[in-house]
C-alpha cells in the first residue's frame, strides 16, 4: 500500500519564484556583472584561487 505525502517535492516558495523571475529578466550585462562580483568575493574569501598565467 502506498502512502501519500502532503508535501510536494521541488515546489518553490513565493520568494523563490520572485527571485527566479528577477534573475531571468536580467540582461546579459547584469548577469556578467553579478558573476564578476561573485568571483571577487570568492577570491577575497579564499574559496577561489587566482589563476594568474605565468605564475605557479
PDB file of N, CA and C in Angstrom:
ATOM      1  N   UNK A   1       0.836  -1.188   0.000  1.00  0.00           N
ATOM      2  CA  UNK A   1       0.000   0.000   0.000  1.00  0.00           C
ATOM      3  C   UNK A   1       0.878   1.248   0.000  1.00  0.00           C
ATOM      4  N   UNK A   2       0.625   2.154  -0.908  1.00  0.00           N
ATOM      5  CA  UNK A   2       1.400   3.384  -0.992  1.00  0.00           C
ATOM      6  C   UNK A   2       0.887   4.408   0.012  1.00  0.00           C
ATOM      7  N   UNK A   3       1.837   5.152   0.552  1.00  0.00           N
ATOM      8  CA  UNK A   3       1.444   6.262   1.420  1.00  0.00           C
ATOM      9  C   UNK A   3       1.742   7.555   0.685  1.00  0.00           C
ATOM     10  N   UNK A   4       0.795   8.459   0.704  1.00  0.00           N
ATOM     11  CA  UNK A   4       0.980   9.743   0.037  1.00  0.00           C
ATOM     12  C   UNK A   4       1.455  10.770   1.045  1.00  0.00           C
ATOM     13  N   UNK A   5       2.352  11.615   0.599  1.00  0.00           N
ATOM     14  CA  UNK A   5       2.846  12.688   1.455  1.00  0.00           C
ATOM     15  C   UNK A   5       2.116  13.967   1.100  1.00  0.00           C
ATOM     16  N   UNK A   6       1.914  14.821   2.103  1.00  0.00           N
ATOM     17  CA  UNK A   6       1.243  16.096   1.883  1.00  0.00           C
ATOM     18  C   UNK A   6       2.157  17.095   1.197  1.00  0.00           C
ATOM     19  N   UNK A   7       3.451  16.896   1.303  1.00  0.00           N
ATOM     20  CA  UNK A   7       4.410  17.825   0.718  1.00  0.00           C
ATOM     21  C   UNK A   7       4.666  17.469  -0.735  1.00  0.00           C
ATOM     22  N   UNK A   8       4.743  18.502  -1.565  1.00  0.00           N
ATOM     23  CA  UNK A   8       5.098  18.290  -2.962  1.00  0.00           C
ATOM     24  C   UNK A   8       6.581  18.593  -3.109  1.00  0.00           C
ATOM     25  N   UNK A   9       7.372  17.633  -3.572  1.00  0.00           N
ATOM     26  CA  UNK A   9       8.808  17.877  -3.721  1.00  0.00           C
ATOM     27  C   UNK A   9       9.091  18.927  -4.783  1.00  0.00           C
ATOM     28  N   UNK A  10      10.132  19.689  -4.566  1.00  0.00           N
ATOM     29  CA  UNK A  10      10.607  20.693  -5.520  1.00  0.00           C
ATOM     30  C   UNK A  10       9.624  21.835  -5.768  1.00  0.00           C
ATOM     31  N   UNK A  11       8.702  22.066  -4.852  1.00  0.00           N
ATOM     32  CA  UNK A  11       7.781  23.186  -5.005  1.00  0.00           C
ATOM     33  C   UNK A  11       8.459  24.454  -4.497  1.00  0.00           C
ATOM     34  N   UNK A  12       8.421  25.512  -5.308  1.00  0.00           N
ATOM     35  CA  UNK A  12       9.082  26.762  -4.958  1.00  0.00           C
ATOM     36  C   UNK A  12       8.180  27.634  -4.095  1.00  0.00           C
ATOM     37  N   UNK A  13       8.815  28.371  -3.199  1.00  0.00           N
ATOM     38  CA  UNK A  13       8.080  29.336  -2.395  1.00  0.00           C
ATOM     39  C   UNK A  13       7.831  30.585  -3.237  1.00  0.00           C
ATOM     40  N   UNK A  14       6.993  31.473  -2.750  1.00  0.00           N
ATOM     41  CA  UNK A  14       6.713  32.729  -3.447  1.00  0.00           C
ATOM     42  C   UNK A  14       8.002  33.528  -3.612  1.00  0.00           C
ATOM     43  N   UNK A  15       8.829  33.578  -2.566  1.00  0.00           N
ATOM     44  CA  UNK A  15      10.094  34.310  -2.645  1.00  0.00           C
ATOM     45  C   UNK A  15      11.041  33.705  -3.671  1.00  0.00           C
ATOM     46  N   UNK A  16      11.105  32.388  -3.724  1.00  0.00           N
ATOM     47  CA  UNK A  16      11.979  31.720  -4.697  1.00  0.00           C
ATOM     48  C   UNK A  16      11.507  31.985  -6.126  1.00  0.00           C
ATOM     49  N   UNK A  17      10.193  31.977  -6.335  1.00  0.00           N
ATOM     50  CA  UNK A  17       9.654  32.280  -7.664  1.00  0.00           C
ATOM     51  C   UNK A  17       9.995  33.709  -8.073  1.00  0.00           C
ATOM     52  N   UNK A  18       9.872  34.644  -7.142  1.00  0.00           N
ATOM     53  CA  UNK A  18      10.188  36.044  -7.434  1.00  0.00           C
ATOM     54  C   UNK A  18      11.664  36.206  -7.769  1.00  0.00           C
ATOM     55  N   UNK A  19      12.518  35.498  -7.026  1.00  0.00           N
ATOM     56  CA  UNK A  19      13.953  35.583  -7.284  1.00  0.00           C
ATOM     57  C   UNK A  19      14.284  35.020  -8.672  1.00  0.00           C
ATOM     58  N   UNK A  20      13.688  33.913  -9.046  1.00  0.00           N
ATOM     59  CA  UNK A  20      13.911  33.340 -10.375  1.00  0.00           C
ATOM     60  C   UNK A  20      13.422  34.281 -11.472  1.00  0.00           C
ATOM     61  N   UNK A  21      12.302  34.947 -11.237  1.00  0.00           N
ATOM     62  CA  UNK A  21      11.774  35.885 -12.225  1.00  0.00           C
ATOM     63  C   UNK A  21      12.728  37.064 -12.406  1.00  0.00           C
ATOM     64  N   UNK A  22      13.288  37.575 -11.295  1.00  0.00           N
ATOM     65  CA  UNK A  22      14.248  38.681 -11.391  1.00  0.00           C
ATOM     66  C   UNK A  22      15.497  38.243 -12.137  1.00  0.00           C
ATOM     67  N   UNK A  23      15.991  37.046 -11.823  1.00  0.00           N
ATOM     68  CA  UNK A  23      17.197  36.556 -12.490  1.00  0.00           C
ATOM     69  C   UNK A  23      16.949  36.377 -13.982  1.00  0.00           C
ATOM     70  N   UNK A  24      15.817  35.808 -14.345  1.00  0.00           N
ATOM     71  CA  UNK A  24      15.522  35.548 -15.749  1.00  0.00           C
ATOM     72  C   UNK A  24      15.348  36.838 -16.546  1.00  0.00           C
ATOM     73  N   UNK A  25      14.958  37.907 -15.877  1.00  0.00           N
ATOM     74  CA  UNK A  25      14.748  39.168 -16.585  1.00  0.00           C
ATOM     75  C   UNK A  25      16.012  40.028 -16.627  1.00  0.00           C
ATOM     76  N   UNK A  26      17.078  39.572 -16.008  1.00  0.00           N
ATOM     77  CA  UNK A  26      18.342  40.323 -16.006  1.00  0.00           C
ATOM     78  C   UNK A  26      18.955  40.312 -17.407  1.00  0.00           C
ATOM     79  N   UNK A  27      19.584  41.412 -17.747  1.00  0.00           N
ATOM     80  CA  UNK A  27      20.258  41.497 -19.046  1.00  0.00           C
ATOM     81  C   UNK A  27      21.573  40.721 -18.975  1.00  0.00           C
ATOM     82  N   UNK A  28      22.144  40.362 -20.116  1.00  0.00           N
ATOM     83  CA  UNK A  28      23.453  39.702 -20.105  1.00  0.00           C
ATOM     84  C   UNK A  28      24.516  40.525 -19.375  1.00  0.00           C
ATOM     85  N   UNK A  29      24.479  41.836 -19.537  1.00  0.00           N
ATOM     86  CA  UNK A  29      25.450  42.695 -18.845  1.00  0.00           C
ATOM     87  C   UNK A  29      25.268  42.611 -17.326  1.00  0.00           C
ATOM     88  N   UNK A  30      24.026  42.557 -16.872  1.00  0.00           N
ATOM     89  CA  UNK A  30      23.767  42.435 -15.431  1.00  0.00           C
ATOM     90  C   UNK A  30      24.245  41.089 -14.905  1.00  0.00           C
ATOM     91  N   UNK A  31      24.024  40.042 -15.681  1.00  0.00           N
ATOM     92  CA  UNK A  31      24.469  38.707 -15.267  1.00  0.00           C
ATOM     93  C   UNK A  31      25.996  38.642 -15.197  1.00  0.00           C
ATOM     94  N   UNK A  32      26.657  39.252 -16.168  1.00  0.00           N
ATOM     95  CA  UNK A  32      28.113  39.277 -16.176  1.00  0.00           C
ATOM     96  C   UNK A  32      28.643  40.058 -14.977  1.00  0.00           C
ATOM     97  N   UNK A  33      28.029  41.185 -14.675  1.00  0.00           N
ATOM     98  CA  UNK A  33      28.446  41.991 -13.522  1.00  0.00           C
ATOM     99  C   UNK A  33      28.286  41.185 -12.235  1.00  0.00           C
ATOM    100  N   UNK A  34      27.182  40.445 -12.123  1.00  0.00           N
ATOM    101  CA  UNK A  34      26.963  39.620 -10.939  1.00  0.00           C
ATOM    102  C   UNK A  34      28.044  38.541 -10.842  1.00  0.00           C
ATOM    103  N   UNK A  35      28.362  37.893 -11.959  1.00  0.00           N
ATOM    104  CA  UNK A  35      29.380  36.843 -11.966  1.00  0.00           C
ATOM    105  C   UNK A  35      30.741  37.394 -11.563  1.00  0.00           C
ATOM    106  N   UNK A  36      31.106  38.556 -12.111  1.00  0.00           N
ATOM    107  CA  UNK A  36      32.392  39.158 -11.764  1.00  0.00           C
ATOM    108  C   UNK A  36      32.450  39.511 -10.277  1.00  0.00           C
ATOM    109  N   UNK A  37      31.350  40.014  -9.733  1.00  0.00           N
ATOM    110  CA  UNK A  37      31.313  40.340  -8.306  1.00  0.00           C
ATOM    111  C   UNK A  37      31.428  39.072  -7.457  1.00  0.00           C
ATOM    112  N   UNK A  38      30.747  38.012  -7.877  1.00  0.00           N
ATOM    113  CA  UNK A  38      30.825  36.743  -7.151  1.00  0.00           C
ATOM    114  C   UNK A  38      32.241  36.180  -7.172  1.00  0.00           C
ATOM    115  N   UNK A  39      32.927  36.324  -8.303  1.00  0.00           N
ATOM    116  CA  UNK A  39      34.311  35.854  -8.399  1.00  0.00           C
ATOM    117  C   UNK A  39      35.222  36.648  -7.464  1.00  0.00           C
ATOM    118  N   UNK A  40      35.036  37.950  -7.391  1.00  0.00           N
ATOM    119  CA  UNK A  40      35.853  38.781  -6.493  1.00  0.00           C
ATOM    120  C   UNK A  40      35.632  38.384  -5.032  1.00  0.00           C
ATOM    121  N   UNK A  41      34.380  38.125  -4.669  1.00  0.00           N
ATOM    122  CA  UNK A  41      34.076  37.695  -3.298  1.00  0.00           C
ATOM    123  C   UNK A  41      34.756  36.360  -3.023  1.00  0.00           C
ATOM    124  N   UNK A  42      34.695  35.439  -3.985  1.00  0.00           N
ATOM    125  CA  UNK A  42      35.313  34.124  -3.813  1.00  0.00           C
ATOM    126  C   UNK A  42      36.828  34.238  -3.689  1.00  0.00           C
ATOM    127  N   UNK A  43      37.436  35.116  -4.476  1.00  0.00           N
ATOM    128  CA  UNK A  43      38.888  35.320  -4.394  1.00  0.00           C
ATOM    129  C   UNK A  43      39.280  35.886  -3.028  1.00  0.00           C
ATOM    130  N   UNK A  44      38.552  36.903  -2.579  1.00  0.00           N
ATOM    131  CA  UNK A  44      38.875  37.540  -1.300  1.00  0.00           C
ATOM    132  C   UNK A  44      38.675  36.601  -0.118  1.00  0.00           C
ATOM    133  N   UNK A  45      37.698  35.698  -0.213  1.00  0.00           N
ATOM    134  CA  UNK A  45      37.415  34.781   0.890  1.00  0.00           C
ATOM    135  C   UNK A  45      38.328  33.565   0.895  1.00  0.00           C
ATOM    136  N   UNK A  46      39.048  33.362  -0.227  1.00  0.00           N
ATOM    137  CA  UNK A  46      39.928  32.203  -0.326  1.00  0.00           C
ATOM    138  C   UNK A  46      39.234  30.979  -0.894  1.00  0.00           C
ATOM    139  N   UNK A  47      37.971  31.110  -1.256  1.00  0.00           N
ATOM    140  CA  UNK A  47      37.233  29.985  -1.818  1.00  0.00           C
ATOM    141  C   UNK A  47      37.661  29.686  -3.252  1.00  0.00           C
ATOM    142  N   UNK A  48      38.285  30.675  -3.891  1.00  0.00           N
ATOM    143  CA  UNK A  48      38.750  30.531  -5.261  1.00  0.00           C
ATOM    144  C   UNK A  48      40.162  31.073  -5.330  1.00  0.00           C
ATOM    145  N   UNK A  49      41.040  30.303  -5.932  1.00  0.00           N
ATOM    146  CA  UNK A  49      42.421  30.758  -6.068  1.00  0.00           C
ATOM    147  C   UNK A  49      42.598  31.473  -7.397  1.00  0.00           C
ATOM    148  N   UNK A  50      43.442  32.487  -7.405  1.00  0.00           N
ATOM    149  CA  UNK A  50      43.732  33.230  -8.619  1.00  0.00           C
ATOM    150  C   UNK A  50      44.422  32.328  -9.615  1.00  0.00           C
ATOM    151  N   UNK A  51      44.055  32.436 -10.864  1.00  0.00           N
ATOM    152  CA  UNK A  51      44.642  31.615 -11.922  1.00  0.00           C
ATOM    153  C   UNK A  51      45.493  32.519 -12.812  1.00  0.00           C
ATOM    154  N   UNK A  52      46.519  33.122 -12.233  1.00  0.00           N
ATOM    155  CA  UNK A  52      47.388  34.008 -12.986  1.00  0.00           C
ATOM    156  C   UNK A  52      48.311  33.206 -13.885  1.00  0.00           C
ATOM    157  N   UNK A  53      48.388  33.587 -15.140  1.00  0.00           N
ATOM    158  CA  UNK A  53      49.245  32.879 -16.088  1.00  0.00           C
ATOM    159  C   UNK A  53      50.698  33.254 -15.819  1.00  0.00           C
ATOM    160  N   UNK A  54      51.552  32.267 -15.958  1.00  0.00           N
ATOM    161  CA  UNK A  54      52.986  32.505 -15.786  1.00  0.00           C
ATOM    162  C   UNK A  54      53.445  32.416 -14.344  1.00  0.00           C
ATOM    163  N   UNK A  55      52.509  32.157 -13.424  1.00  0.00           N
ATOM    164  CA  UNK A  55      52.890  32.007 -12.021  1.00  0.00           C
ATOM    165  C   UNK A  55      52.492  30.613 -11.560  1.00  0.00           C
ATOM    166  N   UNK A  56      53.315  30.019 -10.697  1.00  0.00           N
ATOM    167  CA  UNK A  56      52.997  28.681 -10.183  1.00  0.00           C
ATOM    168  C   UNK A  56      52.407  28.772  -8.821  1.00  0.00           C
TER     169      UNK A  56
END
